[in-house]
Amino acid sequence: MALFPDWLIAFLGLLPSSVGPEYNPLPRSALLSSVVALLGVVFTDTAVRRLVKSGYFLSPFKYWLLGLAGLLPAWLITLWIIV
């Protein structure tokens, strides 16, 4: 959750500004960023569920770091494309 607002603001910068009724699909850069973010969330959720199922619990800070690792690649890709 820590990087989600940052990623969301950067992601909105990838979207084209459209005025009018014409259809504009998402650019590939926006699709790439959202796919990487979704895969990061799915991966970290799976990792946490496996840890809990095995009876191994981490400190809240380590869970935060795991969430950071899930969204950091998408945020960096978005920033790289914008810059």
Protein backbone atom coordinates (compact mmCIF):
# COMPACT_ATOMS: atom_id res chain seq x y z
CA MET A 1 0.00 0.00 0.00
CA ALA A 2 2.89 2.36 0.57
CA LEU A 3 3.76 2.84 -3.09
CA PHE A 4 0.26 2.54 -4.51
CA PRO A 5 -0.57 6.29 -4.45
CA ASP A 6 2.81 7.09 -6.01
CA TRP A 7 2.36 4.47 -8.70
CA LEU A 8 -1.22 5.58 -9.37
CA ILE A 9 -0.22 9.21 -9.90
CA ALA A 10 2.62 8.18 -12.21
CA PHE A 11 0.28 5.75 -14.03
CA LEU A 12 -2.23 8.54 -14.68
CA GLY A 13 0.61 10.42 -16.35
CA LEU A 14 0.85 7.60 -18.90
CA LEU A 15 -2.79 7.96 -19.93
CA PRO A 16 -3.51 10.17 -22.91
CA SER A 17 -5.71 13.18 -22.40
CA SER A 18 -8.75 12.64 -24.55
CA VAL A 19 -11.37 15.17 -25.38
CA GLY A 20 -14.15 13.97 -27.60
CA PRO A 21 -16.17 10.88 -28.36
CA GLU A 22 -13.45 8.97 -30.29
CA TYR A 23 -12.16 5.67 -28.94
CA ASN A 24 -8.59 5.75 -27.66
CA PRO A 25 -7.26 2.44 -26.34
CA LEU A 26 -4.75 2.41 -23.52
CA PRO A 27 -1.17 2.90 -24.65
CA ARG A 28 1.14 -0.10 -24.35
CA SER A 29 3.16 1.63 -21.65
CA ALA A 30 0.06 1.92 -19.43
CA LEU A 31 -0.81 -1.73 -20.07
CA LEU A 32 2.74 -2.84 -19.24
CA SER A 33 2.78 -0.89 -15.99
CA SER A 34 -0.62 -2.17 -14.86
CA VAL A 35 0.24 -5.79 -15.73
CA VAL A 36 3.49 -5.62 -13.76
CA ALA A 37 1.64 -4.06 -10.80
CA LEU A 38 -1.04 -6.75 -10.90
CA LEU A 39 1.52 -9.55 -11.12
CA GLY A 40 3.43 -8.04 -8.20
CA VAL A 41 0.29 -7.93 -6.07
CA VAL A 42 -0.66 -11.50 -6.99
CA PHE A 43 2.87 -12.76 -6.30
CA THR A 44 3.15 -11.10 -2.89
CA ASP A 45 -0.34 -12.21 -1.88
CA THR A 46 0.54 -15.79 -2.80
CA ALA A 47 3.79 -15.56 -0.85
CA VAL A 48 2.04 -14.23 2.26
CA ARG A 49 -0.67 -16.90 2.07
CA ARG A 50 1.96 -19.65 1.82
CA LEU A 51 3.86 -18.23 4.77
CA VAL A 52 0.72 -18.06 6.91
CA LYS A 53 -0.37 -21.55 5.82
CA SER A 54 2.99 -22.99 6.84
CA GLY A 55 2.68 -21.36 10.26
CA TYR A 56 5.50 -18.89 9.71
CA PHE A 57 4.69 -15.27 10.54
CA LEU A 58 6.78 -12.21 9.74
CA SER A 59 6.95 -8.88 11.49
CA PRO A 60 4.72 -6.13 10.08
CA PHE A 61 7.79 -4.34 8.72
CA LYS A 62 8.80 -7.43 6.72
CA TYR A 63 5.28 -7.69 5.31
CA TRP A 64 5.55 -4.02 4.36
CA LEU A 65 8.86 -4.73 2.60
CA LEU A 66 7.23 -7.63 0.74
CA GLY A 67 4.47 -5.30 -0.45
CA LEU A 68 7.07 -2.75 -1.45
CA ALA A 69 8.86 -5.39 -3.50
CA GLY A 70 5.57 -6.21 -5.24
CA LEU A 71 4.83 -2.68 -6.42
CA LEU A 72 8.31 -1.25 -6.84
CA PRO A 73 8.93 -2.75 -10.31
CA ALA A 74 5.69 -1.30 -11.69
CA TRP A 75 6.45 2.10 -10.19
CA LEU A 76 9.98 2.12 -11.61
CA ILE A 77 8.74 1.07 -15.07
CA THR A 78 6.17 3.85 -15.01
CA LEU A 79 8.74 6.44 -13.97
CA TRP A 80 11.18 5.19 -16.61
CA ILE A 81 8.56 5.57 -19.35
CA ILE A 82 7.49 9.04 -18.20
CA VAL A 83 11.01 10.37 -17.94
